[in-house]
Amino acid sequence: MYEEWGLIPLAERKANGYRVFTDYHIEQLRLARIAFQIEVLQNGLRKKVVEIIKLSANKDFDKAVRFAEEYRNQLQREKRNAEESIGIAKQILSGKSVEQTLFLKRKEVSDYLDISMDTLRNWERNGLLQVKRKQNGYRAYTSDDIERLKMIRTLRLANYSLEAILRMLNALEHNPQIDMKQVLNTPQEDADIISVCDRLIVSLNDAEENAEKMITILLEMKEKFS
């Protein structure tokens, strides 16, 4: 499959039909294994990793190194965003950003926060927010709802999963003084974690370390196989 996907060069065959894998194939496979070790999917990071491996498979090492450096830099930005989102959420919780009393409909909230209505429905279905209804049956979003949505939006922009955010919100209801960073990045042992975002900062740190290894390997491959 790696040959079909262009992640390693096609192996030549002997007269008897057996494939012959060279040192170049071995190094390319080592590079791919390190690159795919961490499943960081957000904001095109996974696609960029695949492109790096394909460039190396075609011996375009200069471009592969440049892409790997961009990948590492993007990981660093993602990590800063994740850290910053926690500070923003704390500010919202402190009440410093509380605005005048609001009673908005879903469409008005969508426009106000620049969040799609489908996204709002999804967050509500996943238990992140419970909106009360007026006597006429329409949802009425209060100031508290708006602040909660701002916090959710901030964390989602930093690529925390819905499960991680819900875990934090539930913990906040029991103890407003919790360490949000710890809760966000420490999934419960019995939780069905399907997204690397549940330990976003940890995963980004690991991915950054692997990116540095990839750059080193690419430079070695350039010297050896160019």
C-alpha atoms as a PDB file:
ATOM      1  CA  MET A   1       0.000   0.000   0.000  1.00  0.00           C
ATOM      2  CA  TYR A   2       2.856   2.391   0.729  1.00  0.00           C
ATOM      3  CA  GLU A   3       4.038   1.870  -2.858  1.00  0.00           C
ATOM      4  CA  GLU A   4       0.519   2.466  -4.195  1.00  0.00           C
ATOM      5  CA  TRP A   5       0.138   5.622  -2.109  1.00  0.00           C
ATOM      6  CA  GLY A   6       3.506   6.988  -3.236  1.00  0.00           C
ATOM      7  CA  LEU A   7       4.979   6.916   0.281  1.00  0.00           C
ATOM      8  CA  ILE A   8       7.947   4.794  -0.803  1.00  0.00           C
ATOM      9  CA  PRO A   9       9.477   4.439  -4.280  1.00  0.00           C
ATOM     10  CA  LEU A  10       8.589   1.367  -6.296  1.00  0.00           C
ATOM     11  CA  ALA A  11      10.959  -1.498  -5.568  1.00  0.00           C
ATOM     12  CA  GLU A  12      12.767  -3.018  -8.523  1.00  0.00           C
ATOM     13  CA  ARG A  13      12.283  -6.701  -9.198  1.00  0.00           C
ATOM     14  CA  LYS A  14      14.861  -9.383  -9.855  1.00  0.00           C
ATOM     15  CA  ALA A  15      14.529 -11.763 -12.772  1.00  0.00           C
ATOM     16  CA  ASN A  16      12.725 -14.200 -10.486  1.00  0.00           C
ATOM     17  CA  GLY A  17      10.104 -11.563  -9.652  1.00  0.00           C
ATOM     18  CA  TYR A  18      11.196 -10.821  -6.088  1.00  0.00           C
ATOM     19  CA  ARG A  19      11.243  -7.186  -5.017  1.00  0.00           C
ATOM     20  CA  VAL A  20      14.542  -5.673  -3.930  1.00  0.00           C
ATOM     21  CA  PHE A  21      14.344  -3.079  -1.136  1.00  0.00           C
ATOM     22  CA  THR A  22      17.366  -0.826  -0.721  1.00  0.00           C
ATOM     23  CA  ASP A  23      18.758   1.227   2.147  1.00  0.00           C
ATOM     24  CA  TYR A  24      16.774   4.124   0.704  1.00  0.00           C
ATOM     25  CA  HIS A  25      13.535   2.172   1.172  1.00  0.00           C
ATOM     26  CA  ILE A  26      14.473   1.361   4.759  1.00  0.00           C
ATOM     27  CA  GLU A  27      15.184   5.007   5.610  1.00  0.00           C
ATOM     28  CA  GLN A  28      11.993   6.113   3.876  1.00  0.00           C
ATOM     29  CA  LEU A  29       9.960   3.607   5.896  1.00  0.00           C
ATOM     30  CA  ARG A  30      11.639   4.789   9.095  1.00  0.00           C
ATOM     31  CA  LEU A  31      10.708   8.365   8.204  1.00  0.00           C
ATOM     32  CA  ALA A  32       7.096   7.373   7.497  1.00  0.00           C
ATOM     33  CA  ARG A  33       6.739   5.467  10.764  1.00  0.00           C
ATOM     34  CA  ILE A  34       7.915   8.463  12.773  1.00  0.00           C
ATOM     35  CA  ALA A  35       5.708  10.829  10.767  1.00  0.00           C
ATOM     36  CA  PHE A  36       2.550   8.766  11.280  1.00  0.00           C
ATOM     37  CA  GLN A  37       3.226   7.849  14.903  1.00  0.00           C
ATOM     38  CA  ILE A  38       1.164  10.780  16.184  1.00  0.00           C
ATOM     39  CA  GLU A  39      -2.350  11.224  14.781  1.00  0.00           C
ATOM     40  CA  VAL A  40      -2.682  15.004  14.704  1.00  0.00           C
ATOM     41  CA  LEU A  41      -5.459  15.723  12.209  1.00  0.00           C
ATOM     42  CA  GLN A  42      -6.558  19.310  12.695  1.00  0.00           C
ATOM     43  CA  ASN A  43      -6.000  22.180  10.276  1.00  0.00           C
ATOM     44  CA  GLY A  44      -4.418  20.103   7.527  1.00  0.00           C
ATOM     45  CA  LEU A  45      -1.516  18.778   9.626  1.00  0.00           C
ATOM     46  CA  ARG A  46      -2.070  15.170   8.584  1.00  0.00           C
ATOM     47  CA  LYS A  47      -2.201  16.156   4.924  1.00  0.00           C
ATOM     48  CA  LYS A  48       1.068  18.049   5.291  1.00  0.00           C
ATOM     49  CA  VAL A  49       2.768  14.991   6.811  1.00  0.00           C
ATOM     50  CA  VAL A  50       1.675  12.837   3.867  1.00  0.00           C
ATOM     51  CA  GLU A  51       3.035  15.424   1.449  1.00  0.00           C
ATOM     52  CA  ILE A  52       6.410  15.432   3.248  1.00  0.00           C
ATOM     53  CA  ILE A  53       6.708  11.659   2.902  1.00  0.00           C
ATOM     54  CA  LYS A  54       5.759  11.750  -0.776  1.00  0.00           C
ATOM     55  CA  LEU A  55       8.340  14.458  -1.485  1.00  0.00           C
ATOM     56  CA  SER A  56      11.017  12.379   0.202  1.00  0.00           C
ATOM     57  CA  ALA A  57       9.928   9.314  -1.772  1.00  0.00           C
ATOM     58  CA  ASN A  58      10.616  11.328  -4.927  1.00  0.00           C
ATOM     59  CA  LYS A  59      13.985  12.481  -3.522  1.00  0.00           C
ATOM     60  CA  ASP A  60      12.844  16.108  -3.430  1.00  0.00           C
ATOM     61  CA  PHE A  61      14.609  16.518  -0.108  1.00  0.00           C
ATOM     62  CA  ASP A  62      14.915  20.311  -0.104  1.00  0.00           C
ATOM     63  CA  LYS A  63      11.173  20.774  -0.468  1.00  0.00           C
ATOM     64  CA  ALA A  64      10.511  17.961   2.020  1.00  0.00           C
ATOM     65  CA  VAL A  65      12.706  19.687   4.615  1.00  0.00           C
ATOM     66  CA  ARG A  66      10.962  23.003   3.986  1.00  0.00           C
ATOM     67  CA  PHE A  67       7.546  21.367   4.415  1.00  0.00           C
ATOM     68  CA  ALA A  68       8.739  19.597   7.569  1.00  0.00           C
ATOM     69  CA  GLU A  69       9.893  22.903   9.056  1.00  0.00           C
ATOM     70  CA  GLU A  70       6.525  24.476   8.200  1.00  0.00           C
ATOM     71  CA  TYR A  71       4.811  21.475   9.804  1.00  0.00           C
ATOM     72  CA  ARG A  72       6.873  21.911  12.979  1.00  0.00           C
ATOM     73  CA  ASN A  73       6.134  25.645  13.070  1.00  0.00           C
ATOM     74  CA  GLN A  74       2.413  25.007  12.662  1.00  0.00           C
ATOM     75  CA  LEU A  75       2.512  22.512  15.535  1.00  0.00           C
ATOM     76  CA  GLN A  76       4.087  25.192  17.694  1.00  0.00           C
ATOM     77  CA  ARG A  77       1.337  27.646  16.738  1.00  0.00           C
ATOM     78  CA  GLU A  78      -1.350  25.062  17.495  1.00  0.00           C
ATOM     79  CA  LYS A  79       0.212  24.487  20.898  1.00  0.00           C
ATOM     80  CA  ARG A  80       0.269  28.214  21.659  1.00  0.00           C
ATOM     81  CA  ASN A  81      -3.390  28.454  20.640  1.00  0.00           C
ATOM     82  CA  ALA A  82      -4.274  25.575  22.947  1.00  0.00           C
ATOM     83  CA  GLU A  83      -2.495  27.189  25.864  1.00  0.00           C
ATOM     84  CA  GLU A  84      -4.012  30.595  25.115  1.00  0.00           C
ATOM     85  CA  SER A  85      -7.525  29.195  24.932  1.00  0.00           C
ATOM     86  CA  ILE A  86      -7.328  28.109  28.560  1.00  0.00           C
ATOM     87  CA  GLY A  87      -6.444  31.641  29.631  1.00  0.00           C
ATOM     88  CA  ILE A  88      -9.321  33.067  27.606  1.00  0.00           C
ATOM     89  CA  ALA A  89     -11.718  30.552  29.137  1.00  0.00           C
ATOM     90  CA  LYS A  90     -10.547  31.511  32.627  1.00  0.00           C
ATOM     91  CA  GLN A  91     -11.159  35.172  31.816  1.00  0.00           C
ATOM     92  CA  ILE A  92     -14.672  34.381  30.666  1.00  0.00           C
ATOM     93  CA  LEU A  93     -15.333  32.356  33.819  1.00  0.00           C
ATOM     94  CA  SER A  94     -14.072  35.195  36.004  1.00  0.00           C
ATOM     95  CA  GLY A  95     -16.907  37.350  34.720  1.00  0.00           C
ATOM     96  CA  LYS A  96     -14.674  40.002  33.223  1.00  0.00           C
ATOM     97  CA  SER A  97     -16.269  39.603  29.814  1.00  0.00           C
ATOM     98  CA  VAL A  98     -19.879  39.468  30.960  1.00  0.00           C
ATOM     99  CA  GLU A  99     -22.024  41.782  28.877  1.00  0.00           C
ATOM    100  CA  GLN A 100     -25.483  43.237  29.329  1.00  0.00           C
ATOM    101  CA  THR A 101     -28.401  40.853  29.768  1.00  0.00           C
ATOM    102  CA  LEU A 102     -29.261  39.188  26.476  1.00  0.00           C
ATOM    103  CA  PHE A 103     -32.161  37.100  25.290  1.00  0.00           C
ATOM    104  CA  LEU A 104     -31.351  35.996  21.769  1.00  0.00           C
ATOM    105  CA  LYS A 105     -32.772  33.489  19.331  1.00  0.00           C
ATOM    106  CA  ARG A 106     -30.524  30.825  17.804  1.00  0.00           C
ATOM    107  CA  LYS A 107     -30.108  32.730  14.533  1.00  0.00           C
ATOM    108  CA  GLU A 108     -29.182  35.873  16.459  1.00  0.00           C
ATOM    109  CA  VAL A 109     -26.628  33.914  18.509  1.00  0.00           C
ATOM    110  CA  SER A 110     -25.244  32.408  15.307  1.00  0.00           C
ATOM    111  CA  ASP A 111     -24.681  35.882  13.868  1.00  0.00           C
ATOM    112  CA  TYR A 112     -23.471  37.376  17.145  1.00  0.00           C
ATOM    113  CA  LEU A 113     -20.749  34.759  17.742  1.00  0.00           C
ATOM    114  CA  ASP A 114     -20.103  33.887  14.083  1.00  0.00           C
ATOM    115  CA  ILE A 115     -21.018  30.249  14.733  1.00  0.00           C
ATOM    116  CA  SER A 116     -23.154  28.266  12.310  1.00  0.00           C
ATOM    117  CA  MET A 117     -26.591  27.149  13.475  1.00  0.00           C
ATOM    118  CA  ASP A 118     -25.614  23.535  12.747  1.00  0.00           C
ATOM    119  CA  THR A 119     -22.666  23.928  15.100  1.00  0.00           C
ATOM    120  CA  LEU A 120     -24.916  25.295  17.834  1.00  0.00           C
ATOM    121  CA  ARG A 121     -27.300  22.362  17.388  1.00  0.00           C
ATOM    122  CA  ASN A 122     -24.395  19.936  17.529  1.00  0.00           C
ATOM    123  CA  TRP A 123     -23.067  21.421  20.769  1.00  0.00           C
ATOM    124  CA  GLU A 124     -26.517  21.277  22.335  1.00  0.00           C
ATOM    125  CA  ARG A 125     -27.067  17.664  21.209  1.00  0.00           C
ATOM    126  CA  ASN A 126     -23.732  16.731  22.790  1.00  0.00           C
ATOM    127  CA  GLY A 127     -24.737  18.231  26.132  1.00  0.00           C
ATOM    128  CA  LEU A 128     -22.423  21.251  26.109  1.00  0.00           C
ATOM    129  CA  LEU A 129     -25.307  23.656  26.560  1.00  0.00           C
ATOM    130  CA  GLN A 130     -28.937  23.405  27.689  1.00  0.00           C
ATOM    131  CA  VAL A 131     -30.989  26.351  26.472  1.00  0.00           C
ATOM    132  CA  LYS A 132     -34.279  27.213  28.118  1.00  0.00           C
ATOM    133  CA  ARG A 133     -37.370  27.921  26.068  1.00  0.00           C
ATOM    134  CA  LYS A 134     -39.860  30.738  26.314  1.00  0.00           C
ATOM    135  CA  GLN A 135     -43.567  30.086  26.668  1.00  0.00           C
ATOM    136  CA  ASN A 136     -43.917  30.300  22.892  1.00  0.00           C
ATOM    137  CA  GLY A 137     -41.454  27.407  22.546  1.00  0.00           C
ATOM    138  CA  TYR A 138     -38.569  29.425  21.104  1.00  0.00           C
ATOM    139  CA  ARG A 139     -35.127  29.009  22.603  1.00  0.00           C
ATOM    140  CA  ALA A 140     -33.887  32.056  24.503  1.00  0.00           C
ATOM    141  CA  TYR A 141     -30.131  32.368  24.926  1.00  0.00           C
ATOM    142  CA  THR A 142     -29.207  34.353  28.038  1.00  0.00           C
ATOM    143  CA  SER A 143     -26.027  36.251  28.866  1.00  0.00           C
ATOM    144  CA  ASP A 144     -24.752  33.208  30.767  1.00  0.00           C
ATOM    145  CA  ASP A 145     -25.405  31.038  27.711  1.00  0.00           C
ATOM    146  CA  ILE A 146     -23.472  33.465  25.539  1.00  0.00           C
ATOM    147  CA  GLU A 147     -20.473  33.391  27.889  1.00  0.00           C
ATOM    148  CA  ARG A 148     -20.547  29.603  27.962  1.00  0.00           C
ATOM    149  CA  LEU A 149     -20.702  29.514  24.161  1.00  0.00           C
ATOM    150  CA  LYS A 150     -17.752  31.890  23.918  1.00  0.00           C
ATOM    151  CA  MET A 151     -15.724  29.540  26.084  1.00  0.00           C
ATOM    152  CA  ILE A 152     -16.763  26.503  24.055  1.00  0.00           C
ATOM    153  CA  ARG A 153     -15.958  28.293  20.808  1.00  0.00           C
ATOM    154  CA  THR A 154     -12.521  29.297  22.096  1.00  0.00           C
ATOM    155  CA  LEU A 155     -11.677  25.735  23.080  1.00  0.00           C
ATOM    156  CA  ARG A 156     -13.018  24.283  19.839  1.00  0.00           C
ATOM    157  CA  LEU A 157     -10.909  26.735  17.843  1.00  0.00           C
ATOM    158  CA  ALA A 158      -7.942  25.330  19.762  1.00  0.00           C
ATOM    159  CA  ASN A 159      -9.120  21.869  18.610  1.00  0.00           C
ATOM    160  CA  TYR A 160     -10.174  20.442  21.949  1.00  0.00           C
ATOM    161  CA  SER A 161     -12.699  17.656  21.393  1.00  0.00           C
ATOM    162  CA  LEU A 162     -16.334  17.951  22.446  1.00  0.00           C
ATOM    163  CA  GLU A 163     -15.763  15.211  25.002  1.00  0.00           C
ATOM    164  CA  ALA A 164     -12.839  17.043  26.582  1.00  0.00           C
ATOM    165  CA  ILE A 165     -14.839  20.287  26.771  1.00  0.00           C
ATOM    166  CA  LEU A 166     -17.861  18.542  28.266  1.00  0.00           C
ATOM    167  CA  ARG A 167     -15.610  16.901  30.855  1.00  0.00           C
ATOM    168  CA  MET A 168     -14.256  20.323  31.816  1.00  0.00           C
ATOM    169  CA  LEU A 169     -17.697  21.946  32.003  1.00  0.00           C
ATOM    170  CA  ASN A 170     -19.033  19.142  34.200  1.00  0.00           C
ATOM    171  CA  ALA A 171     -16.025  19.469  36.488  1.00  0.00           C
ATOM    172  CA  LEU A 172     -16.520  23.251  36.702  1.00  0.00           C
ATOM    173  CA  GLU A 173     -20.066  22.784  37.975  1.00  0.00           C
ATOM    174  CA  HIS A 174     -18.693  20.852  40.957  1.00  0.00           C
ATOM    175  CA  ASN A 175     -15.589  22.985  41.525  1.00  0.00           C
ATOM    176  CA  PRO A 176     -15.140  26.410  39.849  1.00  0.00           C
ATOM    177  CA  GLN A 177     -11.496  26.489  41.016  1.00  0.00           C
ATOM    178  CA  ILE A 178     -10.360  23.417  39.073  1.00  0.00           C
ATOM    179  CA  ASP A 179      -7.228  23.383  36.961  1.00  0.00           C
ATOM    180  CA  MET A 180      -8.878  23.511  33.535  1.00  0.00           C
ATOM    181  CA  LYS A 181      -5.691  22.620  31.714  1.00  0.00           C
ATOM    182  CA  GLN A 182      -5.325  19.439  33.733  1.00  0.00           C
ATOM    183  CA  VAL A 183      -8.965  18.415  33.226  1.00  0.00           C
ATOM    184  CA  LEU A 184      -8.894  19.122  29.491  1.00  0.00           C
ATOM    185  CA  ASN A 185      -5.757  17.086  28.960  1.00  0.00           C
ATOM    186  CA  THR A 186      -6.469  14.197  31.334  1.00  0.00           C
ATOM    187  CA  PRO A 187      -9.157  11.902  29.925  1.00  0.00           C
ATOM    188  CA  GLN A 188     -10.937   9.631  32.386  1.00  0.00           C
ATOM    189  CA  GLU A 189      -9.656   6.087  32.359  1.00  0.00           C
ATOM    190  CA  ASP A 190     -13.034   4.690  31.310  1.00  0.00           C
ATOM    191  CA  ALA A 191     -13.685   7.346  28.642  1.00  0.00           C
ATOM    192  CA  ASP A 192     -14.017   6.244  25.027  1.00  0.00           C
ATOM    193  CA  ILE A 193     -11.332   8.521  23.612  1.00  0.00           C
ATOM    194  CA  ILE A 194     -11.369   8.481  19.815  1.00  0.00           C
ATOM    195  CA  SER A 195      -9.705  11.823  19.238  1.00  0.00           C
ATOM    196  CA  VAL A 196      -6.125  12.850  19.890  1.00  0.00           C
ATOM    197  CA  CYS A 197      -7.495  16.286  20.789  1.00  0.00           C
ATOM    198  CA  ASP A 198      -8.453  14.980  24.237  1.00  0.00           C
ATOM    199  CA  ARG A 199      -4.792  15.317  25.102  1.00  0.00           C
ATOM    200  CA  LEU A 200      -4.074  18.040  22.632  1.00  0.00           C
ATOM    201  CA  ILE A 201      -1.101  19.710  24.267  1.00  0.00           C
ATOM    202  CA  VAL A 202       0.578  16.389  25.071  1.00  0.00           C
ATOM    203  CA  SER A 203       0.026  15.157  21.508  1.00  0.00           C
ATOM    204  CA  LEU A 204       1.303  18.369  19.970  1.00  0.00           C
ATOM    205  CA  ASN A 205       4.456  18.163  22.092  1.00  0.00           C
ATOM    206  CA  ASP A 206       5.026  14.588  20.888  1.00  0.00           C
ATOM    207  CA  ALA A 207       4.324  15.576  17.282  1.00  0.00           C
ATOM    208  CA  GLU A 208       6.780  18.462  17.543  1.00  0.00           C
ATOM    209  CA  GLU A 209       9.501  16.119  18.802  1.00  0.00           C
ATOM    210  CA  ASN A 210       8.781  13.790  15.883  1.00  0.00           C
ATOM    211  CA  ALA A 211       8.913  16.709  13.461  1.00  0.00           C
ATOM    212  CA  GLU A 212      12.436  17.492  14.664  1.00  0.00           C
ATOM    213  CA  LYS A 213      13.381  13.832  14.116  1.00  0.00           C
ATOM    214  CA  MET A 214      11.883  13.965  10.615  1.00  0.00           C
ATOM    215  CA  ILE A 215      13.947  17.020   9.719  1.00  0.00           C
ATOM    216  CA  THR A 216      17.111  15.299  10.933  1.00  0.00           C
ATOM    217  CA  ILE A 217      16.342  12.136   8.945  1.00  0.00           C
ATOM    218  CA  LEU A 218      15.531  14.124   5.804  1.00  0.00           C
ATOM    219  CA  LEU A 219      18.817  15.995   5.999  1.00  0.00           C
ATOM    220  CA  GLU A 220      20.677  12.699   6.441  1.00  0.00           C
ATOM    221  CA  MET A 221      18.813  11.169   3.505  1.00  0.00           C
ATOM    222  CA  LYS A 222      19.603  14.185   1.352  1.00  0.00           C
ATOM    223  CA  GLU A 223      23.313  13.781   2.060  1.00  0.00           C
ATOM    224  CA  LYS A 224      23.242  10.033   1.521  1.00  0.00           C
ATOM    225  CA  PHE A 225      20.892   9.538  -1.412  1.00  0.00           C
ATOM    226  CA  SER A 226      20.863  12.756  -3.454  1.00  0.00           C
END
